[in-house]
PDB file of N, CA and C in Angstrom:
ATOM      1  N   MET A   1     127.111  95.731  96.752  1.00  0.00           N
ATOM      2  CA  MET A   1     127.710  94.507  97.241  1.00  0.00           C
ATOM      3  C   MET A   1     128.875  94.087  96.354  1.00  0.00           C
ATOM      4  N   ALA A   2     128.739  94.186  95.053  1.00  0.00           N
ATOM      5  CA  ALA A   2     129.808  93.806  94.136  1.00  0.00           C
ATOM      6  C   ALA A   2     131.032  94.682  94.339  1.00  0.00           C
ATOM      7  N   ALA A   3     130.825  95.968  94.599  1.00  0.00           N
ATOM      8  CA  ALA A   3     131.955  96.868  94.818  1.00  0.00           C
ATOM      9  C   ALA A   3     132.744  96.450  96.052  1.00  0.00           C
ATOM     10  N   THR A   4     132.049  96.033  97.106  1.00  0.00           N
ATOM     11  CA  THR A   4     132.723  95.580  98.317  1.00  0.00           C
ATOM     12  C   THR A   4     133.533  94.329  98.034  1.00  0.00           C
ATOM     13  N   ALA A   5     132.932  93.389  97.323  1.00  0.00           N
ATOM     14  CA  ALA A   5     133.641  92.151  96.988  1.00  0.00           C
ATOM     15  C   ALA A   5     134.861  92.456  96.130  1.00  0.00           C
ATOM     16  N   THR A   6     134.725  93.372  95.206  1.00  0.00           N
ATOM     17  CA  THR A   6     135.845  93.735  94.342  1.00  0.00           C
ATOM     18  C   THR A   6     136.950  94.380  95.159  1.00  0.00           C
ATOM     19  N   ARG A   7     136.609  95.315  96.043  1.00  0.00           N
ATOM     20  CA  ARG A   7     137.611  95.961  96.869  1.00  0.00           C
ATOM     21  C   ARG A   7     138.345  94.939  97.731  1.00  0.00           C
ATOM     22  N   THR A   8     137.623  94.019  98.316  1.00  0.00           N
ATOM     23  CA  THR A   8     138.230  92.996  99.148  1.00  0.00           C
ATOM     24  C   THR A   8     139.170  92.137  98.329  1.00  0.00           C
ATOM     25  N   LEU A   9     138.724  91.714  97.135  1.00  0.00           N
ATOM     26  CA  LEU A   9     139.538  90.885  96.277  1.00  0.00           C
ATOM     27  C   LEU A   9     140.807  91.617  95.871  1.00  0.00           C
ATOM     28  N   GLU A  10     140.672  92.865  95.441  1.00  0.00           N
ATOM     29  CA  GLU A  10     141.831  93.618  94.994  1.00  0.00           C
ATOM     30  C   GLU A  10     142.839  93.808  96.108  1.00  0.00           C
ATOM     31  N   SER A  11     142.372  93.946  97.326  1.00  0.00           N
ATOM     32  CA  SER A  11     143.298  94.152  98.426  1.00  0.00           C
ATOM     33  C   SER A  11     144.028  92.862  98.802  1.00  0.00           C
ATOM     34  N   THR A  12     143.503  91.689  98.422  1.00  0.00           N
ATOM     35  CA  THR A  12     144.148  90.430  98.766  1.00  0.00           C
ATOM     36  C   THR A  12     145.005  89.883  97.636  1.00  0.00           C
ATOM     37  N   VAL A  13     144.857  90.405  96.421  1.00  0.00           N
ATOM     38  CA  VAL A  13     145.645  89.937  95.291  1.00  0.00           C
ATOM     39  C   VAL A  13     146.949  90.722  95.250  1.00  0.00           C
ATOM     40  N   PRO A  14     148.087  90.016  95.157  1.00  0.00           N
ATOM     41  CA  PRO A  14     149.352  90.738  95.120  1.00  0.00           C
ATOM     42  C   PRO A  14     149.391  91.716  93.958  1.00  0.00           C
ATOM     43  N   CYS A  15     149.985  92.852  94.179  1.00  0.00           N
ATOM     44  CA  CYS A  15     150.033  93.896  93.166  1.00  0.00           C
ATOM     45  C   CYS A  15     151.161  93.643  92.183  1.00  0.00           C
ATOM     46  N   CYS A  16     150.932  93.964  90.965  1.00  0.00           N
ATOM     47  CA  CYS A  16     151.990  93.943  89.961  1.00  0.00           C
ATOM     48  C   CYS A  16     151.775  95.131  89.043  1.00  0.00           C
ATOM     49  N   ALA A  17     152.817  95.537  88.369  1.00  0.00           N
ATOM     50  CA  ALA A  17     152.734  96.708  87.500  1.00  0.00           C
ATOM     51  C   ALA A  17     151.894  96.405  86.272  1.00  0.00           C
ATOM     52  N   PRO A  18     151.043  97.337  85.855  1.00  0.00           N
ATOM     53  CA  PRO A  18     150.284  97.136  84.627  1.00  0.00           C
ATOM     54  C   PRO A  18     151.208  97.164  83.413  1.00  0.00           C
ATOM     55  N   VAL A  19     150.710  96.657  82.311  1.00  0.00           N
ATOM     56  CA  VAL A  19     151.495  96.543  81.087  1.00  0.00           C
ATOM     57  C   VAL A  19     152.037  97.897  80.628  1.00  0.00           C
ATOM     58  N   THR A  20     151.403  98.961  81.027  1.00  0.00           N
ATOM     59  CA  THR A  20     151.873 100.296  80.638  1.00  0.00           C
ATOM     60  C   THR A  20     153.068 100.768  81.462  1.00  0.00           C
ATOM     61  N   GLU A  21     153.389 100.060  82.547  1.00  0.00           N
ATOM     62  CA  GLU A  21     154.491 100.480  83.407  1.00  0.00           C
ATOM     63  C   GLU A  21     155.707  99.566  83.337  1.00  0.00           C
ATOM     64  N   SER A  22     155.522  98.321  82.935  1.00  0.00           N
ATOM     65  CA  SER A  22     156.660  97.409  82.778  1.00  0.00           C
ATOM     66  C   SER A  22     156.291  96.360  81.734  1.00  0.00           C
ATOM     67  N   ALA A  23     157.321  95.838  81.097  1.00  0.00           N
ATOM     68  CA  ALA A  23     157.104  94.855  80.037  1.00  0.00           C
ATOM     69  C   ALA A  23     156.689  93.509  80.624  1.00  0.00           C
ATOM     70  N   LEU A  24     155.802  92.833  79.914  1.00  0.00           N
ATOM     71  CA  LEU A  24     155.391  91.491  80.301  1.00  0.00           C
ATOM     72  C   LEU A  24     156.443  90.481  79.864  1.00  0.00           C
ATOM     73  N   SER A  25     156.558  89.401  80.595  1.00  0.00           N
ATOM     74  CA  SER A  25     157.412  88.290  80.166  1.00  0.00           C
ATOM     75  C   SER A  25     156.709  87.578  79.010  1.00  0.00           C
ATOM     76  N   ASN A  26     157.418  86.704  78.329  1.00  0.00           N
ATOM     77  CA  ASN A  26     156.804  85.931  77.242  1.00  0.00           C
ATOM     78  C   ASN A  26     155.624  85.112  77.748  1.00  0.00           C
ATOM     79  N   ASP A  27     155.784  84.474  78.900  1.00  0.00           N
ATOM     80  CA  ASP A  27     154.703  83.656  79.466  1.00  0.00           C
ATOM     81  C   ASP A  27     153.489  84.510  79.828  1.00  0.00           C
ATOM     82  N   GLU A  28     153.738  85.667  80.456  1.00  0.00           N
ATOM     83  CA  GLU A  28     152.634  86.564  80.806  1.00  0.00           C
ATOM     84  C   GLU A  28     151.911  87.060  79.561  1.00  0.00           C
ATOM     85  N   ALA A  29     152.679  87.427  78.543  1.00  0.00           N
ATOM     86  CA  ALA A  29     152.078  87.921  77.302  1.00  0.00           C
ATOM     87  C   ALA A  29     151.226  86.842  76.642  1.00  0.00           C
ATOM     88  N   THR A  30     151.712  85.614  76.625  1.00  0.00           N
ATOM     89  CA  THR A  30     150.964  84.502  76.032  1.00  0.00           C
ATOM     90  C   THR A  30     149.668  84.258  76.801  1.00  0.00           C
ATOM     91  N   GLU A  31     149.773  84.266  78.120  1.00  0.00           N
ATOM     92  CA  GLU A  31     148.598  84.035  78.969  1.00  0.00           C
ATOM     93  C   GLU A  31     147.554  85.136  78.785  1.00  0.00           C
ATOM     94  N   PHE A  32     147.985  86.382  78.821  1.00  0.00           N
ATOM     95  CA  PHE A  32     147.043  87.491  78.692  1.00  0.00           C
ATOM     96  C   PHE A  32     146.477  87.610  77.291  1.00  0.00           C
ATOM     97  N   ALA A  33     147.242  87.215  76.285  1.00  0.00           N
ATOM     98  CA  ALA A  33     146.729  87.244  74.911  1.00  0.00           C
ATOM     99  C   ALA A  33     145.530  86.310  74.771  1.00  0.00           C
ATOM    100  N   LYS A  34     145.567  85.163  75.454  1.00  0.00           N
ATOM    101  CA  LYS A  34     144.431  84.229  75.419  1.00  0.00           C
ATOM    102  C   LYS A  34     143.186  84.869  76.036  1.00  0.00           C
ATOM    103  N   VAL A  35     143.382  85.549  77.145  1.00  0.00           N
ATOM    104  CA  VAL A  35     142.266  86.210  77.824  1.00  0.00           C
ATOM    105  C   VAL A  35     141.697  87.325  76.947  1.00  0.00           C
ATOM    106  N   LEU A  36     142.588  88.151  76.414  1.00  0.00           N
ATOM    107  CA  LEU A  36     142.131  89.264  75.579  1.00  0.00           C
ATOM    108  C   LEU A  36     141.477  88.770  74.292  1.00  0.00           C
ATOM    109  N   ALA A  37     141.978  87.681  73.723  1.00  0.00           N
ATOM    110  CA  ALA A  37     141.364  87.106  72.520  1.00  0.00           C
ATOM    111  C   ALA A  37     139.950  86.618  72.823  1.00  0.00           C
ATOM    112  N   ALA A  38     139.773  86.027  74.000  1.00  0.00           N
ATOM    113  CA  ALA A  38     138.438  85.543  74.380  1.00  0.00           C
ATOM    114  C   ALA A  38     137.458  86.706  74.511  1.00  0.00           C
ATOM    115  N   LEU A  39     137.941  87.853  74.949  1.00  0.00           N
ATOM    116  CA  LEU A  39     137.069  89.016  75.130  1.00  0.00           C
ATOM    117  C   LEU A  39     136.940  89.881  73.876  1.00  0.00           C
ATOM    118  N   SER A  40     137.672  89.549  72.823  1.00  0.00           N
ATOM    119  CA  SER A  40     137.695  90.410  71.639  1.00  0.00           C
ATOM    120  C   SER A  40     136.440  90.295  70.769  1.00  0.00           C
ATOM    121  N   ASP A  41     135.617  89.303  70.992  1.00  0.00           N
ATOM    122  CA  ASP A  41     134.366  89.150  70.244  1.00  0.00           C
ATOM    123  C   ASP A  41     133.260  89.942  70.947  1.00  0.00           C
ATOM    124  N   PRO A  42     132.474  90.735  70.218  1.00  0.00           N
ATOM    125  CA  PRO A  42     131.427  91.551  70.859  1.00  0.00           C
ATOM    126  C   PRO A  42     130.393  90.735  71.636  1.00  0.00           C
ATOM    127  N   VAL A  43     130.028  89.561  71.132  1.00  0.00           N
ATOM    128  CA  VAL A  43     129.049  88.730  71.856  1.00  0.00           C
ATOM    129  C   VAL A  43     129.652  88.234  73.163  1.00  0.00           C
ATOM    130  N   ARG A  44     130.896  87.785  73.114  1.00  0.00           N
ATOM    131  CA  ARG A  44     131.533  87.298  74.345  1.00  0.00           C
ATOM    132  C   ARG A  44     131.757  88.427  75.339  1.00  0.00           C
ATOM    133  N   LEU A  45     132.114  89.590  74.848  1.00  0.00           N
ATOM    134  CA  LEU A  45     132.300  90.729  75.747  1.00  0.00           C
ATOM    135  C   LEU A  45     130.984  91.092  76.433  1.00  0.00           C
ATOM    136  N   ARG A  46     129.886  91.088  75.696  1.00  0.00           N
ATOM    137  CA  ARG A  46     128.566  91.355  76.298  1.00  0.00           C
ATOM    138  C   ARG A  46     128.188  90.250  77.273  1.00  0.00           C
ATOM    139  N   LEU A  47     128.421  89.004  76.886  1.00  0.00           N
ATOM    140  CA  LEU A  47     128.109  87.865  77.748  1.00  0.00           C
ATOM    141  C   LEU A  47     128.885  87.997  79.064  1.00  0.00           C
ATOM    142  N   PHE A  48     130.159  88.297  78.954  1.00  0.00           N
ATOM    143  CA  PHE A  48     130.997  88.482  80.140  1.00  0.00           C
ATOM    144  C   PHE A  48     130.449  89.596  81.025  1.00  0.00           C
ATOM    145  N   SER A  49     130.056  90.702  80.414  1.00  0.00           N
ATOM    146  CA  SER A  49     129.538  91.826  81.205  1.00  0.00           C
ATOM    147  C   SER A  49     128.189  91.500  81.836  1.00  0.00           C
ATOM    148  N   LEU A  50     127.357  90.728  81.143  1.00  0.00           N
ATOM    149  CA  LEU A  50     126.064  90.325  81.721  1.00  0.00           C
ATOM    150  C   LEU A  50     126.272  89.437  82.950  1.00  0.00           C
ATOM    151  N   VAL A  51     127.170  88.473  82.834  1.00  0.00           N
ATOM    152  CA  VAL A  51     127.441  87.585  83.974  1.00  0.00           C
ATOM    153  C   VAL A  51     128.061  88.387  85.119  1.00  0.00           C
ATOM    154  N   ALA A  52     128.979  89.292  84.792  1.00  0.00           N
ATOM    155  CA  ALA A  52     129.614  90.118  85.832  1.00  0.00           C
ATOM    156  C   ALA A  52     128.584  90.986  86.545  1.00  0.00           C
ATOM    157  N   ALA A  53     127.663  91.557  85.796  1.00  0.00           N
ATOM    158  CA  ALA A  53     126.651  92.437  86.390  1.00  0.00           C
ATOM    159  C   ALA A  53     125.708  91.670  87.308  1.00  0.00           C
ATOM    160  N   GLU A  54     125.408  90.431  86.962  1.00  0.00           N
ATOM    161  CA  GLU A  54     124.501  89.612  87.766  1.00  0.00           C
ATOM    162  C   GLU A  54     125.211  88.903  88.918  1.00  0.00           C
ATOM    163  N   GLY A  55     126.505  88.691  88.777  1.00  0.00           N
ATOM    164  CA  GLY A  55     127.240  87.914  89.770  1.00  0.00           C
ATOM    165  C   GLY A  55     127.211  86.438  89.435  1.00  0.00           C
ATOM    166  N   GLU A  56     126.100  85.984  88.917  1.00  0.00           N
ATOM    167  CA  GLU A  56     125.900  84.606  88.487  1.00  0.00           C
ATOM    168  C   GLU A  56     124.709  84.615  87.542  1.00  0.00           C
ATOM    169  N   SER A  57     124.812  83.864  86.454  1.00  0.00           N
ATOM    170  CA  SER A  57     123.715  83.862  85.495  1.00  0.00           C
ATOM    171  C   SER A  57     123.552  82.485  84.872  1.00  0.00           C
ATOM    172  N   CYS A  58     122.310  82.090  84.719  1.00  0.00           N
ATOM    173  CA  CYS A  58     121.979  80.829  84.064  1.00  0.00           C
ATOM    174  C   CYS A  58     122.084  81.006  82.555  1.00  0.00           C
ATOM    175  N   SER A  59     122.559  79.978  81.868  1.00  0.00           N
ATOM    176  CA  SER A  59     122.627  80.021  80.404  1.00  0.00           C
ATOM    177  C   SER A  59     121.275  80.369  79.803  1.00  0.00           C
ATOM    178  N   CYS A  60     120.210  79.910  80.437  1.00  0.00           N
ATOM    179  CA  CYS A  60     118.861  80.156  79.918  1.00  0.00           C
ATOM    180  C   CYS A  60     118.497  81.636  79.936  1.00  0.00           C
ATOM    181  N   ARG A  61     119.155  82.426  80.773  1.00  0.00           N
ATOM    182  CA  ARG A  61     118.871  83.865  80.869  1.00  0.00           C
ATOM    183  C   ARG A  61     119.722  84.710  79.929  1.00  0.00           C
ATOM    184  N   LEU A  62     120.621  84.086  79.190  1.00  0.00           N
ATOM    185  CA  LEU A  62     121.522  84.831  78.322  1.00  0.00           C
ATOM    186  C   LEU A  62     121.007  84.940  76.886  1.00  0.00           C
ATOM    187  N   GLU A  63     120.115  84.044  76.499  1.00  0.00           N
ATOM    188  CA  GLU A  63     119.614  84.033  75.124  1.00  0.00           C
ATOM    189  C   GLU A  63     118.924  85.339  74.752  1.00  0.00           C
ATOM    190  N   GLY A  64     118.017  85.812  75.580  1.00  0.00           N
ATOM    191  CA  GLY A  64     117.257  87.025  75.287  1.00  0.00           C
ATOM    192  C   GLY A  64     118.122  88.259  75.140  1.00  0.00           C
ATOM    193  N   PRO A  65     118.902  88.593  76.169  1.00  0.00           N
ATOM    194  CA  PRO A  65     119.710  89.811  76.079  1.00  0.00           C
ATOM    195  C   PRO A  65     120.734  89.780  74.940  1.00  0.00           C
ATOM    196  N   LEU A  66     121.281  88.593  74.651  1.00  0.00           N
ATOM    197  CA  LEU A  66     122.290  88.491  73.596  1.00  0.00           C
ATOM    198  C   LEU A  66     121.678  88.262  72.213  1.00  0.00           C
ATOM    199  N   GLU A  67     120.383  87.958  72.185  1.00  0.00           N
ATOM    200  CA  GLU A  67     119.679  87.672  70.935  1.00  0.00           C
ATOM    201  C   GLU A  67     120.396  86.592  70.125  1.00  0.00           C
ATOM    202  N   ARG A  68     120.773  85.523  70.826  1.00  0.00           N
ATOM    203  CA  ARG A  68     121.470  84.396  70.212  1.00  0.00           C
ATOM    204  C   ARG A  68     120.822  83.102  70.685  1.00  0.00           C
ATOM    205  N   SER A  69     120.980  82.047  69.887  1.00  0.00           N
ATOM    206  CA  SER A  69     120.427  80.740  70.228  1.00  0.00           C
ATOM    207  C   SER A  69     121.259  80.079  71.330  1.00  0.00           C
ATOM    208  N   GLN A  70     120.678  79.053  71.954  1.00  0.00           N
ATOM    209  CA  GLN A  70     121.389  78.352  73.019  1.00  0.00           C
ATOM    210  C   GLN A  70     122.687  77.715  72.528  1.00  0.00           C
ATOM    211  N   PRO A  71     122.726  77.097  71.331  1.00  0.00           N
ATOM    212  CA  PRO A  71     124.017  76.560  70.873  1.00  0.00           C
ATOM    213  C   PRO A  71     125.090  77.644  70.720  1.00  0.00           C
ATOM    214  N   THR A  72     124.695  78.821  70.288  1.00  0.00           N
ATOM    215  CA  THR A  72     125.651  79.920  70.141  1.00  0.00           C
ATOM    216  C   THR A  72     126.129  80.386  71.513  1.00  0.00           C
ATOM    217  N   ILE A  73     125.211  80.476  72.474  1.00  0.00           N
ATOM    218  CA  ILE A  73     125.584  80.837  73.851  1.00  0.00           C
ATOM    219  C   ILE A  73     126.584  79.815  74.391  1.00  0.00           C
ATOM    220  N   SER A  74     126.322  78.544  74.172  1.00  0.00           N
ATOM    221  CA  SER A  74     127.220  77.482  74.642  1.00  0.00           C
ATOM    222  C   SER A  74     128.608  77.612  74.025  1.00  0.00           C
ATOM    223  N   HIS A  75     128.662  77.925  72.748  1.00  0.00           N
ATOM    224  CA  HIS A  75     129.948  78.118  72.067  1.00  0.00           C
ATOM    225  C   HIS A  75     130.737  79.245  72.734  1.00  0.00           C
ATOM    226  N   HIS A  76     130.089  80.359  72.965  1.00  0.00           N
ATOM    227  CA  HIS A  76     130.781  81.515  73.545  1.00  0.00           C
ATOM    228  C   HIS A  76     131.142  81.307  75.015  1.00  0.00           C
ATOM    229  N   THR A  77     130.282  80.650  75.787  1.00  0.00           N
ATOM    230  CA  THR A  77     130.627  80.392  77.186  1.00  0.00           C
ATOM    231  C   THR A  77     131.813  79.431  77.272  1.00  0.00           C
ATOM    232  N   LYS A  78     131.905  78.490  76.348  1.00  0.00           N
ATOM    233  CA  LYS A  78     133.041  77.561  76.338  1.00  0.00           C
ATOM    234  C   LYS A  78     134.348  78.311  76.109  1.00  0.00           C
ATOM    235  N   ILE A  79     134.349  79.242  75.187  1.00  0.00           N
ATOM    236  CA  ILE A  79     135.568  80.021  74.911  1.00  0.00           C
ATOM    237  C   ILE A  79     135.969  80.834  76.136  1.00  0.00           C
ATOM    238  N   LEU A  80     135.000  81.486  76.780  1.00  0.00           N
ATOM    239  CA  LEU A  80     135.303  82.259  77.987  1.00  0.00           C
ATOM    240  C   LEU A  80     135.781  81.355  79.114  1.00  0.00           C
ATOM    241  N   ALA A  81     135.165  80.190  79.250  1.00  0.00           N
ATOM    242  CA  ALA A  81     135.571  79.251  80.301  1.00  0.00           C
ATOM    243  C   ALA A  81     136.972  78.700  80.023  1.00  0.00           C
ATOM    244  N   ASP A  82     137.263  78.380  78.762  1.00  0.00           N
ATOM    245  CA  ASP A  82     138.597  77.880  78.410  1.00  0.00           C
ATOM    246  C   ASP A  82     139.681  78.913  78.697  1.00  0.00           C
ATOM    247  N   ALA A  83     139.324  80.193  78.601  1.00  0.00           N
ATOM    248  CA  ALA A  83     140.269  81.273  78.906  1.00  0.00           C
ATOM    249  C   ALA A  83     140.357  81.539  80.401  1.00  0.00           C
ATOM    250  N   GLY A  84     139.534  80.852  81.198  1.00  0.00           N
ATOM    251  CA  GLY A  84     139.568  81.014  82.651  1.00  0.00           C
ATOM    252  C   GLY A  84     138.808  82.223  83.161  1.00  0.00           C
ATOM    253  N   LEU A  85     137.975  82.827  82.317  1.00  0.00           N
ATOM    254  CA  LEU A  85     137.258  84.042  82.719  1.00  0.00           C
ATOM    255  C   LEU A  85     135.949  83.765  83.433  1.00  0.00           C
ATOM    256  N   ILE A  86     135.302  82.660  83.116  1.00  0.00           N
ATOM    257  CA  ILE A  86     134.061  82.294  83.789  1.00  0.00           C
ATOM    258  C   ILE A  86     134.137  80.836  84.204  1.00  0.00           C
ATOM    259  N   VAL A  87     133.345  80.507  85.199  1.00  0.00           N
ATOM    260  CA  VAL A  87     133.278  79.139  85.711  1.00  0.00           C
ATOM    261  C   VAL A  87     131.822  78.728  85.712  1.00  0.00           C
ATOM    262  N   GLY A  88     131.551  77.535  85.199  1.00  0.00           N
ATOM    263  CA  GLY A  88     130.181  77.040  85.137  1.00  0.00           C
ATOM    264  C   GLY A  88     129.920  75.944  86.145  1.00  0.00           C
ATOM    265  N   GLU A  89     128.671  75.917  86.608  1.00  0.00           N
ATOM    266  CA  GLU A  89     128.225  74.863  87.513  1.00  0.00           C
ATOM    267  C   GLU A  89     126.913  74.326  86.977  1.00  0.00           C
ATOM    268  N   LYS A  90     126.897  73.051  86.652  1.00  0.00           N
ATOM    269  CA  LYS A  90     125.698  72.409  86.117  1.00  0.00           C
ATOM    270  C   LYS A  90     124.686  72.213  87.243  1.00  0.00           C
ATOM    271  N   ARG A  91     123.483  72.730  87.028  1.00  0.00           N
ATOM    272  CA  ARG A  91     122.384  72.563  87.981  1.00  0.00           C
ATOM    273  C   ARG A  91     121.179  72.069  87.192  1.00  0.00           C
ATOM    274  N   GLY A  92     120.926  70.787  87.304  1.00  0.00           N
ATOM    275  CA  GLY A  92     119.852  70.206  86.507  1.00  0.00           C
ATOM    276  C   GLY A  92     120.221  70.255  85.040  1.00  0.00           C
ATOM    277  N   LYS A  93     119.346  70.829  84.234  1.00  0.00           N
ATOM    278  CA  LYS A  93     119.539  70.892  82.794  1.00  0.00           C
ATOM    279  C   LYS A  93     120.419  72.072  82.363  1.00  0.00           C
ATOM    280  N   TRP A  94     120.568  73.077  83.204  1.00  0.00           N
ATOM    281  CA  TRP A  94     121.243  74.316  82.823  1.00  0.00           C
ATOM    282  C   TRP A  94     122.576  74.491  83.537  1.00  0.00           C
ATOM    283  N   THR A  95     123.430  75.303  82.932  1.00  0.00           N
ATOM    284  CA  THR A  95     124.700  75.682  83.562  1.00  0.00           C
ATOM    285  C   THR A  95     124.579  77.116  84.047  1.00  0.00           C
ATOM    286  N   TRP A  96     125.009  77.323  85.282  1.00  0.00           N
ATOM    287  CA  TRP A  96     125.052  78.660  85.878  1.00  0.00           C
ATOM    288  C   TRP A  96     126.494  79.136  85.811  1.00  0.00           C
ATOM    289  N   TRP A  97     126.689  80.358  85.342  1.00  0.00           N
ATOM    290  CA  TRP A  97     128.010  80.929  85.127  1.00  0.00           C
ATOM    291  C   TRP A  97     128.296  82.040  86.123  1.00  0.00           C
ATOM    292  N   ARG A  98     129.548  82.111  86.545  1.00  0.00           N
ATOM    293  CA  ARG A  98     130.006  83.204  87.392  1.00  0.00           C
ATOM    294  C   ARG A  98     131.383  83.617  86.892  1.00  0.00           C
ATOM    295  N   ILE A  99     131.789  84.817  87.272  1.00  0.00           N
ATOM    296  CA  ILE A  99     133.090  85.344  86.867  1.00  0.00           C
ATOM    297  C   ILE A  99     134.179  84.726  87.725  1.00  0.00           C
ATOM    298  N   GLU A 100     135.261  84.359  87.091  1.00  0.00           N
ATOM    299  CA  GLU A 100     136.434  83.890  87.820  1.00  0.00           C
ATOM    300  C   GLU A 100     137.171  85.142  88.301  1.00  0.00           C
ATOM    301  N   GLU A 101     136.971  85.491  89.559  1.00  0.00           N
ATOM    302  CA  GLU A 101     137.444  86.764  90.113  1.00  0.00           C
ATOM    303  C   GLU A 101     138.958  86.949  90.028  1.00  0.00           C
ATOM    304  N   ASP A 102     139.729  85.894  90.204  1.00  0.00           N
ATOM    305  CA  ASP A 102     141.183  86.037  90.110  1.00  0.00           C
ATOM    306  C   ASP A 102     141.589  86.514  88.719  1.00  0.00           C
ATOM    307  N   GLN A 103     140.977  85.951  87.696  1.00  0.00           N
ATOM    308  CA  GLN A 103     141.282  86.367  86.322  1.00  0.00           C
ATOM    309  C   GLN A 103     140.852  87.806  86.090  1.00  0.00           C
ATOM    310  N   LEU A 104     139.689  88.159  86.592  1.00  0.00           N
ATOM    311  CA  LEU A 104     139.186  89.522  86.419  1.00  0.00           C
ATOM    312  C   LEU A 104     140.154  90.528  87.036  1.00  0.00           C
ATOM    313  N   ALA A 105     140.646  90.239  88.216  1.00  0.00           N
ATOM    314  CA  ALA A 105     141.595  91.138  88.881  1.00  0.00           C
ATOM    315  C   ALA A 105     142.891  91.243  88.083  1.00  0.00           C
ATOM    316  N   ARG A 106     143.348  90.137  87.521  1.00  0.00           N
ATOM    317  CA  ARG A 106     144.580  90.157  86.728  1.00  0.00           C
ATOM    318  C   ARG A 106     144.395  90.964  85.449  1.00  0.00           C
ATOM    319  N   VAL A 107     143.254  90.823  84.797  1.00  0.00           N
ATOM    320  CA  VAL A 107     142.988  91.597  83.581  1.00  0.00           C
ATOM    321  C   VAL A 107     142.978  93.084  83.914  1.00  0.00           C
ATOM    322  N   ARG A 108     142.347  93.449  85.018  1.00  0.00           N
ATOM    323  CA  ARG A 108     142.323  94.854  85.440  1.00  0.00           C
ATOM    324  C   ARG A 108     143.720  95.404  85.622  1.00  0.00           C
ATOM    325  N   ARG A 109     144.583  94.628  86.285  1.00  0.00           N
ATOM    326  CA  ARG A 109     145.953  95.089  86.521  1.00  0.00           C
ATOM    327  C   ARG A 109     146.724  95.258  85.229  1.00  0.00           C
ATOM    328  N   VAL A 110     146.615  94.288  84.313  1.00  0.00           N
ATOM    329  CA  VAL A 110     147.340  94.373  83.050  1.00  0.00           C
ATOM    330  C   VAL A 110     146.907  95.600  82.252  1.00  0.00           C
ATOM    331  N   LEU A 111     145.620  95.898  82.272  1.00  0.00           N
ATOM    332  CA  LEU A 111     145.111  97.032  81.525  1.00  0.00           C
ATOM    333  C   LEU A 111     145.332  98.360  82.253  1.00  0.00           C
ATOM    334  N   GLY A 112     145.879  98.280  83.447  1.00  0.00           N
ATOM    335  CA  GLY A 112     146.175  99.510  84.182  1.00  0.00           C
ATOM    336  C   GLY A 112     145.015 100.017  84.999  1.00  0.00           C
ATOM    337  N   GLY A 113     143.955  99.215  85.153  1.00  0.00           N
ATOM    338  CA  GLY A 113     142.805  99.614  85.954  1.00  0.00           C
ATOM    339  C   GLY A 113     143.075  99.393  87.427  1.00  0.00           C
ATOM    340  N   THR A 114     142.186  99.959  88.244  1.00  0.00           N
ATOM    341  CA  THR A 114     142.349  99.785  89.692  1.00  0.00           C
ATOM    342  C   THR A 114     141.263  98.920  90.249  1.00  0.00           C
TER     343      THR A 114
END
């Protein structure tokens, strides 16, 4: 199901050359540097991949796999959310996280992925 959603998303997002084929503008470089900086921490990269694999994940389900406390999870989800990579929705006491698909598609293009 995720592959279908990804294919659909990629086909609707306008294409642009990856960073390996044309130079980024100053604004593009600044924007992508924020995204890449957010993903440069191993805990955040794992957190991002866990949420991506699930499609949506509750903060309460991230503590075990990441072997981190809830305050640490909150710190890392805030950084990813500030970079526009994940979006949270408060449901009762917990926040449920999902991947911001537009950002994911843009990161793929910049890195030269399909």
